[in-house]
């Protein structure tokens, strides 16, 4: 019973047996991103 209880405390897996994917990391809060031109997608850290 203790073993079953320990297994039930683990995060459930979706069908297919694979663990759930981690969400994509958001853009850093301490930076801005250039959105166009020659430096498009360049990130600028901000203090």
ModelCIF file with pLDDT and N, C-alpha, C, O atoms, coordinates in Angstrom:
data_MODEL
#
_entry.id   MODEL 
#
_entity.id                         1 
_entity.type                       polymer 
_entity.pdbx_number_of_molecules   1 
#
_entity_poly.entity_id                      1 
_entity_poly.type                           'polypeptide(L)' 
_entity_poly.nstd_linkage                   no 
_entity_poly.nstd_monomer                   no 
_entity_poly.pdbx_seq_one_letter_code       
;(UNK)(UNK)(UNK)(UNK)(UNK)(UNK)(UNK)(UNK)(UNK)(UNK)(UNK)(UNK)(UNK)(UNK)(UNK)(UNK)
(UNK)(UNK)(UNK)(UNK)(UNK)(UNK)(UNK)(UNK)(UNK)(UNK)(UNK)(UNK)(UNK)(UNK)(UNK)(UNK)
(UNK)(UNK)(UNK)(UNK)(UNK)(UNK)(UNK)(UNK)(UNK)(UNK)(UNK)(UNK)(UNK)(UNK)(UNK)
;
_entity_poly.pdbx_seq_one_letter_code_can   XXXXXXXXXXXXXXXXXXXXXXXXXXXXXXXXXXXXXXXXXXXXXXX 
_entity_poly.pdbx_strand_id                 A 
#
loop_
_entity_poly_seq.entity_id 
_entity_poly_seq.num 
_entity_poly_seq.mon_id 
_entity_poly_seq.hetero 
1 1  UNK n 
1 2  UNK n 
1 3  UNK n 
1 4  UNK n 
1 5  UNK n 
1 6  UNK n 
1 7  UNK n 
1 8  UNK n 
1 9  UNK n 
1 10 UNK n 
1 11 UNK n 
1 12 UNK n 
1 13 UNK n 
1 14 UNK n 
1 15 UNK n 
1 16 UNK n 
1 17 UNK n 
1 18 UNK n 
1 19 UNK n 
1 20 UNK n 
1 21 UNK n 
1 22 UNK n 
1 23 UNK n 
1 24 UNK n 
1 25 UNK n 
1 26 UNK n 
1 27 UNK n 
1 28 UNK n 
1 29 UNK n 
1 30 UNK n 
1 31 UNK n 
1 32 UNK n 
1 33 UNK n 
1 34 UNK n 
1 35 UNK n 
1 36 UNK n 
1 37 UNK n 
1 38 UNK n 
1 39 UNK n 
1 40 UNK n 
1 41 UNK n 
1 42 UNK n 
1 43 UNK n 
1 44 UNK n 
1 45 UNK n 
1 46 UNK n 
1 47 UNK n 
#
_struct_asym.id          A 
_struct_asym.entity_id   1 
#
loop_
_ma_qa_metric.id 
_ma_qa_metric.mode 
_ma_qa_metric.name 
_ma_qa_metric.software_group_id 
_ma_qa_metric.type 
1 global pLDDT . pLDDT 
2 local  pLDDT . pLDDT 
#
_ma_qa_metric_global.metric_id      1 
_ma_qa_metric_global.metric_value   59.06 
_ma_qa_metric_global.model_id       1 
_ma_qa_metric_global.ordinal_id     1 
#
loop_
_ma_qa_metric_local.label_asym_id 
_ma_qa_metric_local.label_comp_id 
_ma_qa_metric_local.label_seq_id 
_ma_qa_metric_local.metric_id 
_ma_qa_metric_local.metric_value 
_ma_qa_metric_local.model_id 
_ma_qa_metric_local.ordinal_id 
A UNK 1  2 45.00 1 1  
A UNK 2  2 43.00 1 2  
A UNK 3  2 44.00 1 3  
A UNK 4  2 45.00 1 4  
A UNK 5  2 44.00 1 5  
A UNK 6  2 42.00 1 6  
A UNK 7  2 42.00 1 7  
A UNK 8  2 42.00 1 8  
A UNK 9  2 44.00 1 9  
A UNK 10 2 42.00 1 10 
A UNK 11 2 42.00 1 11 
A UNK 12 2 43.00 1 12 
A UNK 13 2 42.00 1 13 
A UNK 14 2 41.00 1 14 
A UNK 15 2 42.00 1 15 
A UNK 16 2 42.00 1 16 
A UNK 17 2 42.00 1 17 
A UNK 18 2 40.00 1 18 
A UNK 19 2 38.00 1 19 
A UNK 20 2 36.00 1 20 
A UNK 21 2 34.00 1 21 
A UNK 22 2 30.00 1 22 
A UNK 23 2 32.00 1 23 
A UNK 24 2 29.00 1 24 
A UNK 25 2 31.00 1 25 
A UNK 26 2 36.00 1 26 
A UNK 27 2 40.00 1 27 
A UNK 28 2 41.00 1 28 
A UNK 29 2 53.00 1 29 
A UNK 30 2 83.00 1 30 
A UNK 31 2 84.00 1 31 
A UNK 32 2 87.00 1 32 
A UNK 33 2 90.00 1 33 
A UNK 34 2 93.00 1 34 
A UNK 35 2 92.00 1 35 
A UNK 36 2 91.00 1 36 
A UNK 37 2 92.00 1 37 
A UNK 38 2 93.00 1 38 
A UNK 39 2 94.00 1 39 
A UNK 40 2 93.00 1 40 
A UNK 41 2 92.00 1 41 
A UNK 42 2 93.00 1 42 
A UNK 43 2 92.00 1 43 
A UNK 44 2 90.00 1 44 
A UNK 45 2 87.00 1 45 
A UNK 46 2 84.00 1 46 
A UNK 47 2 79.00 1 47 
#
loop_
_atom_site.group_PDB 
_atom_site.id 
_atom_site.type_symbol 
_atom_site.label_atom_id 
_atom_site.label_alt_id 
_atom_site.label_comp_id 
_atom_site.label_asym_id 
_atom_site.label_entity_id 
_atom_site.label_seq_id 
_atom_site.pdbx_PDB_ins_code 
_atom_site.Cartn_x 
_atom_site.Cartn_y 
_atom_site.Cartn_z 
_atom_site.occupancy 
_atom_site.B_iso_or_equiv 
_atom_site.pdbx_formal_charge 
_atom_site.auth_seq_id 
_atom_site.auth_comp_id 
_atom_site.auth_asym_id 
_atom_site.auth_atom_id 
_atom_site.pdbx_PDB_model_num 
ATOM 1   N N  . UNK A 1 1  ? 0.834  -1.205 0.000   1.00 45.00 ? 1  UNK A N  1 
ATOM 2   C CA . UNK A 1 1  ? 0.000  0.000  0.000   1.00 45.00 ? 1  UNK A CA 1 
ATOM 3   C C  . UNK A 1 1  ? 0.862  1.245  0.000   1.00 45.00 ? 1  UNK A C  1 
ATOM 4   O O  . UNK A 1 1  ? 0.542  2.225  -0.672  1.00 45.00 ? 1  UNK A O  1 
ATOM 5   N N  . UNK A 1 2  ? 1.970  1.212  0.762   1.00 43.00 ? 2  UNK A N  1 
ATOM 6   C CA . UNK A 1 2  ? 2.866  2.367  0.785   1.00 43.00 ? 2  UNK A CA 1 
ATOM 7   C C  . UNK A 1 2  ? 3.472  2.611  -0.574  1.00 43.00 ? 2  UNK A C  1 
ATOM 8   O O  . UNK A 1 2  ? 3.604  3.759  -0.999  1.00 43.00 ? 2  UNK A O  1 
ATOM 9   N N  . UNK A 1 3  ? 3.850  1.525  -1.278  1.00 44.00 ? 3  UNK A N  1 
ATOM 10  C CA . UNK A 1 3  ? 4.418  1.670  -2.617  1.00 44.00 ? 3  UNK A CA 1 
ATOM 11  C C  . UNK A 1 3  ? 3.415  2.261  -3.569  1.00 44.00 ? 3  UNK A C  1 
ATOM 12  O O  . UNK A 1 3  ? 3.731  3.146  -4.364  1.00 44.00 ? 3  UNK A O  1 
ATOM 13  N N  . UNK A 1 4  ? 2.128  1.731  -3.475  1.00 45.00 ? 4  UNK A N  1 
ATOM 14  C CA . UNK A 1 4  ? 1.096  2.295  -4.365  1.00 45.00 ? 4  UNK A CA 1 
ATOM 15  C C  . UNK A 1 4  ? 0.877  3.772  -4.071  1.00 45.00 ? 4  UNK A C  1 
ATOM 16  O O  . UNK A 1 4  ? 0.700  4.572  -4.990  1.00 45.00 ? 4  UNK A O  1 
ATOM 17  N N  . UNK A 1 5  ? 0.887  4.142  -2.775  1.00 44.00 ? 5  UNK A N  1 
ATOM 18  C CA . UNK A 1 5  ? 0.694  5.542  -2.388  1.00 44.00 ? 5  UNK A CA 1 
ATOM 19  C C  . UNK A 1 5  ? 1.810  6.413  -2.908  1.00 44.00 ? 5  UNK A C  1 
ATOM 20  O O  . UNK A 1 5  ? 1.558  7.525  -3.371  1.00 44.00 ? 5  UNK A O  1 
ATOM 21  N N  . UNK A 1 6  ? 3.067  5.924  -2.843  1.00 42.00 ? 6  UNK A N  1 
ATOM 22  C CA . UNK A 1 6  ? 4.191  6.705  -3.349  1.00 42.00 ? 6  UNK A CA 1 
ATOM 23  C C  . UNK A 1 6  ? 4.070  6.927  -4.840  1.00 42.00 ? 6  UNK A C  1 
ATOM 24  O O  . UNK A 1 6  ? 4.352  8.009  -5.353  1.00 42.00 ? 6  UNK A O  1 
ATOM 25  N N  . UNK A 1 7  ? 3.624  5.824  -5.558  1.00 42.00 ? 7  UNK A N  1 
ATOM 26  C CA . UNK A 1 7  ? 3.470  5.994  -7.012  1.00 42.00 ? 7  UNK A CA 1 
ATOM 27  C C  . UNK A 1 7  ? 2.373  6.987  -7.338  1.00 42.00 ? 7  UNK A C  1 
ATOM 28  O O  . UNK A 1 7  ? 2.477  7.742  -8.304  1.00 42.00 ? 7  UNK A O  1 
ATOM 29  N N  . UNK A 1 8  ? 1.297  6.987  -6.516  1.00 42.00 ? 8  UNK A N  1 
ATOM 30  C CA . UNK A 1 8  ? 0.176  7.895  -6.800  1.00 42.00 ? 8  UNK A CA 1 
ATOM 31  C C  . UNK A 1 8  ? 0.535  9.337  -6.542  1.00 42.00 ? 8  UNK A C  1 
ATOM 32  O O  . UNK A 1 8  ? -0.131 10.238 -7.053  1.00 42.00 ? 8  UNK A O  1 
ATOM 33  N N  . UNK A 1 9  ? 1.602  9.588  -5.740  1.00 44.00 ? 9  UNK A N  1 
ATOM 34  C CA . UNK A 1 9  ? 2.016  10.963 -5.476  1.00 44.00 ? 9  UNK A CA 1 
ATOM 35  C C  . UNK A 1 9  ? 2.848  11.546 -6.595  1.00 44.00 ? 9  UNK A C  1 
ATOM 36  O O  . UNK A 1 9  ? 3.063  12.758 -6.633  1.00 44.00 ? 9  UNK A O  1 
ATOM 37  N N  . UNK A 1 10 ? 3.326  10.707 -7.516  1.00 42.00 ? 10 UNK A N  1 
ATOM 38  C CA . UNK A 1 10 ? 4.132  11.215 -8.622  1.00 42.00 ? 10 UNK A CA 1 
ATOM 39  C C  . UNK A 1 10 ? 3.254  11.924 -9.643  1.00 42.00 ? 10 UNK A C  1 
ATOM 40  O O  . UNK A 1 10 ? 2.078  11.583 -9.778  1.00 42.00 ? 10 UNK A O  1 
ATOM 41  N N  . UNK A 1 11 ? 3.809  12.926 -10.382 1.00 42.00 ? 11 UNK A N  1 
ATOM 42  C CA . UNK A 1 11 ? 3.019  13.597 -11.415 1.00 42.00 ? 11 UNK A CA 1 
ATOM 43  C C  . UNK A 1 11 ? 2.554  12.580 -12.448 1.00 42.00 ? 11 UNK A C  1 
ATOM 44  O O  . UNK A 1 11 ? 3.320  11.713 -12.870 1.00 42.00 ? 11 UNK A O  1 
ATOM 45  N N  . UNK A 1 12 ? 1.293  12.693 -12.849 1.00 43.00 ? 12 UNK A N  1 
ATOM 46  C CA . UNK A 1 12 ? 0.753  11.771 -13.858 1.00 43.00 ? 12 UNK A CA 1 
ATOM 47  C C  . UNK A 1 12 ? 1.358  12.052 -15.209 1.00 43.00 ? 12 UNK A C  1 
ATOM 48  O O  . UNK A 1 12 ? 1.719  13.190 -15.511 1.00 43.00 ? 12 UNK A O  1 
ATOM 49  N N  . UNK A 1 13 ? 1.471  11.023 -16.023 1.00 42.00 ? 13 UNK A N  1 
ATOM 50  C CA . UNK A 1 13 ? 1.978  11.157 -17.384 1.00 42.00 ? 13 UNK A CA 1 
ATOM 51  C C  . UNK A 1 13 ? 0.829  11.110 -18.362 1.00 42.00 ? 13 UNK A C  1 
ATOM 52  O O  . UNK A 1 13 ? -0.158 10.416 -18.120 1.00 42.00 ? 13 UNK A O  1 
ATOM 53  N N  . UNK A 1 14 ? 0.935  11.833 -19.465 1.00 41.00 ? 14 UNK A N  1 
ATOM 54  C CA . UNK A 1 14 ? -0.114 11.761 -20.467 1.00 41.00 ? 14 UNK A CA 1 
ATOM 55  C C  . UNK A 1 14 ? -0.088 10.409 -21.142 1.00 41.00 ? 14 UNK A C  1 
ATOM 56  O O  . UNK A 1 14 ? 0.856  9.635  -20.984 1.00 41.00 ? 14 UNK A O  1 
ATOM 57  N N  . UNK A 1 15 ? -1.147 10.130 -21.903 1.00 42.00 ? 15 UNK A N  1 
ATOM 58  C CA . UNK A 1 15 ? -1.215 8.878  -22.642 1.00 42.00 ? 15 UNK A CA 1 
ATOM 59  C C  . UNK A 1 15 ? -0.026 8.790  -23.577 1.00 42.00 ? 15 UNK A C  1 
ATOM 60  O O  . UNK A 1 15 ? 0.371  9.780  -24.191 1.00 42.00 ? 15 UNK A O  1 
ATOM 61  N N  . UNK A 1 16 ? 0.546  7.582  -23.682 1.00 42.00 ? 16 UNK A N  1 
ATOM 62  C CA . UNK A 1 16 ? 1.732  7.393  -24.499 1.00 42.00 ? 16 UNK A CA 1 
ATOM 63  C C  . UNK A 1 16 ? 2.971  7.246  -23.651 1.00 42.00 ? 16 UNK A C  1 
ATOM 64  O O  . UNK A 1 16 ? 4.023  6.864  -24.163 1.00 42.00 ? 16 UNK A O  1 
ATOM 65  N N  . UNK A 1 17 ? 2.873  7.546  -22.332 1.00 42.00 ? 17 UNK A N  1 
ATOM 66  C CA . UNK A 1 17 ? 3.973  7.266  -21.433 1.00 42.00 ? 17 UNK A CA 1 
ATOM 67  C C  . UNK A 1 17 ? 5.040  8.320  -21.351 1.00 42.00 ? 17 UNK A C  1 
ATOM 68  O O  . UNK A 1 17 ? 6.007  8.141  -20.610 1.00 42.00 ? 17 UNK A O  1 
ATOM 69  N N  . UNK A 1 18 ? 4.911  9.439  -22.090 1.00 40.00 ? 18 UNK A N  1 
ATOM 70  C CA . UNK A 1 18 ? 5.941  10.479 -22.054 1.00 40.00 ? 18 UNK A CA 1 
ATOM 71  C C  . UNK A 1 18 ? 5.590  11.527 -21.022 1.00 40.00 ? 18 UNK A C  1 
ATOM 72  O O  . UNK A 1 18 ? 4.418  11.865 -20.857 1.00 40.00 ? 18 UNK A O  1 
ATOM 73  N N  . UNK A 1 19 ? 6.589  12.050 -20.323 1.00 38.00 ? 19 UNK A N  1 
ATOM 74  C CA . UNK A 1 19 ? 6.300  13.113 -19.358 1.00 38.00 ? 19 UNK A CA 1 
ATOM 75  C C  . UNK A 1 19 ? 5.847  14.369 -20.087 1.00 38.00 ? 19 UNK A C  1 
ATOM 76  O O  . UNK A 1 19 ? 6.206  14.574 -21.246 1.00 38.00 ? 19 UNK A O  1 
ATOM 77  N N  . UNK A 1 20 ? 5.052  15.221 -19.412 1.00 36.00 ? 20 UNK A N  1 
ATOM 78  C CA . UNK A 1 20 ? 4.588  16.440 -20.078 1.00 36.00 ? 20 UNK A CA 1 
ATOM 79  C C  . UNK A 1 20 ? 5.740  17.344 -20.451 1.00 36.00 ? 20 UNK A C  1 
ATOM 80  O O  . UNK A 1 20 ? 6.711  17.466 -19.704 1.00 36.00 ? 20 UNK A O  1 
ATOM 81  N N  . UNK A 1 21 ? 5.634  17.983 -21.617 1.00 34.00 ? 21 UNK A N  1 
ATOM 82  C CA . UNK A 1 21 ? 6.699  18.879 -22.077 1.00 34.00 ? 21 UNK A CA 1 
ATOM 83  C C  . UNK A 1 21 ? 6.719  20.138 -21.226 1.00 34.00 ? 21 UNK A C  1 
ATOM 84  O O  . UNK A 1 21 ? 5.676  20.632 -20.799 1.00 34.00 ? 21 UNK A O  1 
ATOM 85  N N  . UNK A 1 22 ? 7.933  20.656 -20.983 1.00 30.00 ? 22 UNK A N  1 
ATOM 86  C CA . UNK A 1 22 ? 8.049  21.921 -20.258 1.00 30.00 ? 22 UNK A CA 1 
ATOM 87  C C  . UNK A 1 22 ? 7.640  23.054 -21.181 1.00 30.00 ? 22 UNK A C  1 
ATOM 88  O O  . UNK A 1 22 ? 7.970  23.015 -22.366 1.00 30.00 ? 22 UNK A O  1 
ATOM 89  N N  . UNK A 1 23 ? 6.934  24.062 -20.686 1.00 32.00 ? 23 UNK A N  1 
ATOM 90  C CA . UNK A 1 23 ? 6.585  25.197 -21.545 1.00 32.00 ? 23 UNK A CA 1 
ATOM 91  C C  . UNK A 1 23 ? 7.829  25.944 -21.986 1.00 32.00 ? 23 UNK A C  1 
ATOM 92  O O  . UNK A 1 23 ? 8.848  25.962 -21.294 1.00 32.00 ? 23 UNK A O  1 
ATOM 93  N N  . UNK A 1 24 ? 7.720  26.567 -23.168 1.00 29.00 ? 24 UNK A N  1 
ATOM 94  C CA . UNK A 1 24 ? 8.859  27.329 -23.689 1.00 29.00 ? 24 UNK A CA 1 
ATOM 95  C C  . UNK A 1 24 ? 9.184  28.465 -22.742 1.00 29.00 ? 24 UNK A C  1 
ATOM 96  O O  . UNK A 1 24 ? 8.288  29.115 -22.204 1.00 29.00 ? 24 UNK A O  1 
ATOM 97  N N  . UNK A 1 25 ? 10.475 28.701 -22.541 1.00 31.00 ? 25 UNK A N  1 
ATOM 98  C CA . UNK A 1 25 ? 10.892 29.787 -21.655 1.00 31.00 ? 25 UNK A CA 1 
ATOM 99  C C  . UNK A 1 25 ? 10.504 31.122 -22.253 1.00 31.00 ? 25 UNK A C  1 
ATOM 100 O O  . UNK A 1 25 ? 10.775 31.362 -23.429 1.00 31.00 ? 25 UNK A O  1 
ATOM 101 N N  . UNK A 1 26 ? 9.878  32.002 -21.482 1.00 36.00 ? 26 UNK A N  1 
ATOM 102 C CA . UNK A 1 26 ? 9.516  33.315 -22.015 1.00 36.00 ? 26 UNK A CA 1 
ATOM 103 C C  . UNK A 1 26 ? 10.746 34.173 -22.217 1.00 36.00 ? 26 UNK A C  1 
ATOM 104 O O  . UNK A 1 26 ? 11.810 33.898 -21.662 1.00 36.00 ? 26 UNK A O  1 
ATOM 105 N N  . UNK A 1 27 ? 10.592 35.214 -23.016 1.00 40.00 ? 27 UNK A N  1 
ATOM 106 C CA . UNK A 1 27 ? 11.693 36.165 -23.193 1.00 40.00 ? 27 UNK A CA 1 
ATOM 107 C C  . UNK A 1 27 ? 12.028 36.781 -21.847 1.00 40.00 ? 27 UNK A C  1 
ATOM 108 O O  . UNK A 1 27 ? 11.146 37.012 -21.020 1.00 40.00 ? 27 UNK A O  1 
ATOM 109 N N  . UNK A 1 28 ? 13.314 37.047 -21.635 1.00 41.00 ? 28 UNK A N  1 
ATOM 110 C CA . UNK A 1 28 ? 13.737 37.583 -20.353 1.00 41.00 ? 28 UNK A CA 1 
ATOM 111 C C  . UNK A 1 28 ? 13.072 38.912 -20.052 1.00 41.00 ? 28 UNK A C  1 
ATOM 112 O O  . UNK A 1 28 ? 12.896 39.752 -20.935 1.00 41.00 ? 28 UNK A O  1 
ATOM 113 N N  . UNK A 1 29 ? 12.705 39.088 -18.793 1.00 53.00 ? 29 UNK A N  1 
ATOM 114 C CA . UNK A 1 29 ? 12.061 40.342 -18.411 1.00 53.00 ? 29 UNK A CA 1 
ATOM 115 C C  . UNK A 1 29 ? 13.056 41.479 -18.424 1.00 53.00 ? 29 UNK A C  1 
ATOM 116 O O  . UNK A 1 29 ? 12.666 42.633 -18.601 1.00 53.00 ? 29 UNK A O  1 
ATOM 117 N N  . UNK A 1 30 ? 14.348 41.183 -18.240 1.00 83.00 ? 30 UNK A N  1 
ATOM 118 C CA . UNK A 1 30 ? 15.353 42.217 -18.199 1.00 83.00 ? 30 UNK A CA 1 
ATOM 119 C C  . UNK A 1 30 ? 16.036 42.446 -19.524 1.00 83.00 ? 30 UNK A C  1 
ATOM 120 O O  . UNK A 1 30 ? 17.246 42.670 -19.568 1.00 83.00 ? 30 UNK A O  1 
ATOM 121 N N  . UNK A 1 31 ? 15.275 42.395 -20.615 1.00 84.00 ? 31 UNK A N  1 
ATOM 122 C CA . UNK A 1 31 ? 15.863 42.624 -21.935 1.00 84.00 ? 31 UNK A CA 1 
ATOM 123 C C  . UNK A 1 31 ? 14.792 43.098 -22.898 1.00 84.00 ? 31 UNK A C  1 
ATOM 124 O O  . UNK A 1 31 ? 13.599 42.896 -22.672 1.00 84.00 ? 31 UNK A O  1 
ATOM 125 N N  . UNK A 1 32 ? 15.237 43.735 -23.982 1.00 87.00 ? 32 UNK A N  1 
ATOM 126 C CA . UNK A 1 32 ? 14.347 44.086 -25.078 1.00 87.00 ? 32 UNK A CA 1 
ATOM 127 C C  . UNK A 1 32 ? 14.888 43.441 -26.346 1.00 87.00 ? 32 UNK A C  1 
ATOM 128 O O  . UNK A 1 32 ? 16.070 43.109 -26.436 1.00 87.00 ? 32 UNK A O  1 
ATOM 129 N N  . UNK A 1 33 ? 14.007 43.272 -27.320 1.00 90.00 ? 33 UNK A N  1 
ATOM 130 C CA . UNK A 1 33 ? 14.377 42.596 -28.556 1.00 90.00 ? 33 UNK A CA 1 
ATOM 131 C C  . UNK A 1 33 ? 14.138 43.539 -29.727 1.00 90.00 ? 33 UNK A C  1 
ATOM 132 O O  . UNK A 1 33 ? 13.046 44.089 -29.864 1.00 90.00 ? 33 UNK A O  1 
ATOM 133 N N  . UNK A 1 34 ? 15.138 43.729 -30.564 1.00 93.00 ? 34 UNK A N  1 
ATOM 134 C CA . UNK A 1 34 ? 14.968 44.522 -31.782 1.00 93.00 ? 34 UNK A CA 1 
ATOM 135 C C  . UNK A 1 34 ? 14.118 43.712 -32.759 1.00 93.00 ? 34 UNK A C  1 
ATOM 136 O O  . UNK A 1 34 ? 14.399 42.535 -32.989 1.00 93.00 ? 34 UNK A O  1 
ATOM 137 N N  . UNK A 1 35 ? 13.094 44.319 -33.331 1.00 92.00 ? 35 UNK A N  1 
ATOM 138 C CA . UNK A 1 35 ? 12.118 43.546 -34.100 1.00 92.00 ? 35 UNK A CA 1 
ATOM 139 C C  . UNK A 1 35 ? 12.241 43.718 -35.605 1.00 92.00 ? 35 UNK A C  1 
ATOM 140 O O  . UNK A 1 35 ? 11.530 43.041 -36.347 1.00 92.00 ? 35 UNK A O  1 
ATOM 141 N N  . UNK A 1 36 ? 13.109 44.590 -36.083 1.00 91.00 ? 36 UNK A N  1 
ATOM 142 C CA . UNK A 1 36 ? 13.237 44.763 -37.530 1.00 91.00 ? 36 UNK A CA 1 
ATOM 143 C C  . UNK A 1 36 ? 14.590 45.323 -37.921 1.00 91.00 ? 36 UNK A C  1 
ATOM 144 O O  . UNK A 1 36 ? 15.338 45.807 -37.072 1.00 91.00 ? 36 UNK A O  1 
ATOM 145 N N  . UNK A 1 37 ? 14.907 45.254 -39.227 1.00 92.00 ? 37 UNK A N  1 
ATOM 146 C CA . UNK A 1 37 ? 16.138 45.835 -39.730 1.00 92.00 ? 37 UNK A CA 1 
ATOM 147 C C  . UNK A 1 37 ? 17.337 44.907 -39.603 1.00 92.00 ? 37 UNK A C  1 
ATOM 148 O O  . UNK A 1 37 ? 17.187 43.697 -39.438 1.00 92.00 ? 37 UNK A O  1 
ATOM 149 N N  . UNK A 1 38 ? 18.535 45.495 -39.683 1.00 93.00 ? 38 UNK A N  1 
ATOM 150 C CA . UNK A 1 38 ? 19.762 44.693 -39.761 1.00 93.00 ? 38 UNK A CA 1 
ATOM 151 C C  . UNK A 1 38 ? 20.066 43.926 -38.479 1.00 93.00 ? 38 UNK A C  1 
ATOM 152 O O  . UNK A 1 38 ? 20.779 42.923 -38.519 1.00 93.00 ? 38 UNK A O  1 
ATOM 153 N N  . UNK A 1 39 ? 19.541 44.377 -37.348 1.00 94.00 ? 39 UNK A N  1 
ATOM 154 C CA . UNK A 1 39 ? 19.782 43.672 -36.077 1.00 94.00 ? 39 UNK A CA 1 
ATOM 155 C C  . UNK A 1 39 ? 18.525 42.970 -35.580 1.00 94.00 ? 39 UNK A C  1 
ATOM 156 O O  . UNK A 1 39 ? 18.367 42.762 -34.378 1.00 94.00 ? 39 UNK A O  1 
ATOM 157 N N  . UNK A 1 40 ? 17.648 42.612 -36.476 1.00 93.00 ? 40 UNK A N  1 
ATOM 158 C CA . UNK A 1 40 ? 16.406 41.943 -36.102 1.00 93.00 ? 40 UNK A CA 1 
ATOM 159 C C  . UNK A 1 40 ? 16.692 40.732 -35.217 1.00 93.00 ? 40 UNK A C  1 
ATOM 160 O O  . UNK A 1 40 ? 17.598 39.944 -35.490 1.00 93.00 ? 40 UNK A O  1 
ATOM 161 N N  . UNK A 1 41 ? 15.900 40.600 -34.153 1.00 92.00 ? 41 UNK A N  1 
ATOM 162 C CA . UNK A 1 41 ? 15.976 39.517 -33.159 1.00 92.00 ? 41 UNK A CA 1 
ATOM 163 C C  . UNK A 1 41 ? 17.141 39.665 -32.176 1.00 92.00 ? 41 UNK A C  1 
ATOM 164 O O  . UNK A 1 41 ? 17.290 38.834 -31.280 1.00 92.00 ? 41 UNK A O  1 
ATOM 165 N N  . UNK A 1 42 ? 17.964 40.699 -32.323 1.00 93.00 ? 42 UNK A N  1 
ATOM 166 C CA . UNK A 1 42 ? 19.016 40.920 -31.331 1.00 93.00 ? 42 UNK A CA 1 
ATOM 167 C C  . UNK A 1 42 ? 18.377 41.320 -30.001 1.00 93.00 ? 42 UNK A C  1 
ATOM 168 O O  . UNK A 1 42 ? 17.426 42.100 -29.963 1.00 93.00 ? 42 UNK A O  1 
ATOM 169 N N  . UNK A 1 43 ? 18.915 40.777 -28.924 1.00 92.00 ? 43 UNK A N  1 
ATOM 170 C CA . UNK A 1 43 ? 18.384 41.057 -27.592 1.00 92.00 ? 43 UNK A CA 1 
ATOM 171 C C  . UNK A 1 43 ? 19.333 41.991 -26.845 1.00 92.00 ? 43 UNK A C  1 
ATOM 172 O O  . UNK A 1 43 ? 20.552 41.817 -26.873 1.00 92.00 ? 43 UNK A O  1 
ATOM 173 N N  . UNK A 1 44 ? 18.753 42.978 -26.184 1.00 90.00 ? 44 UNK A N  1 
ATOM 174 C CA . UNK A 1 44 ? 19.519 43.974 -25.450 1.00 90.00 ? 44 UNK A CA 1 
ATOM 175 C C  . UNK A 1 44 ? 19.203 43.846 -23.966 1.00 90.00 ? 44 UNK A C  1 
ATOM 176 O O  . UNK A 1 44 ? 18.110 44.228 -23.548 1.00 90.00 ? 44 UNK A O  1 
ATOM 177 N N  . UNK A 1 45 ? 20.122 43.320 -23.153 1.00 87.00 ? 45 UNK A N  1 
ATOM 178 C CA . UNK A 1 45 ? 19.878 43.255 -21.706 1.00 87.00 ? 45 UNK A CA 1 
ATOM 179 C C  . UNK A 1 45 ? 19.664 44.657 -21.131 1.00 87.00 ? 45 UNK A C  1 
ATOM 180 O O  . UNK A 1 45 ? 20.305 45.621 -21.549 1.00 87.00 ? 45 UNK A O  1 
ATOM 181 N N  . UNK A 1 46 ? 18.757 44.746 -20.171 1.00 84.00 ? 46 UNK A N  1 
ATOM 182 C CA . UNK A 1 46 ? 18.402 46.032 -19.580 1.00 84.00 ? 46 UNK A CA 1 
ATOM 183 C C  . UNK A 1 46 ? 18.621 45.963 -18.070 1.00 84.00 ? 46 UNK A C  1 
ATOM 184 O O  . UNK A 1 46 ? 18.074 45.070 -17.422 1.00 84.00 ? 46 UNK A O  1 
ATOM 185 N N  . UNK A 1 47 ? 19.402 46.874 -17.489 1.00 79.00 ? 47 UNK A N  1 
ATOM 186 C CA . UNK A 1 47 ? 19.583 46.874 -16.033 1.00 79.00 ? 47 UNK A CA 1 
ATOM 187 C C  . UNK A 1 47 ? 18.270 47.185 -15.318 1.00 79.00 ? 47 UNK A C  1 
ATOM 188 O O  . UNK A 1 47 ? 18.232 47.227 -14.089 1.00 79.00 ? 47 UNK A O  1 
#
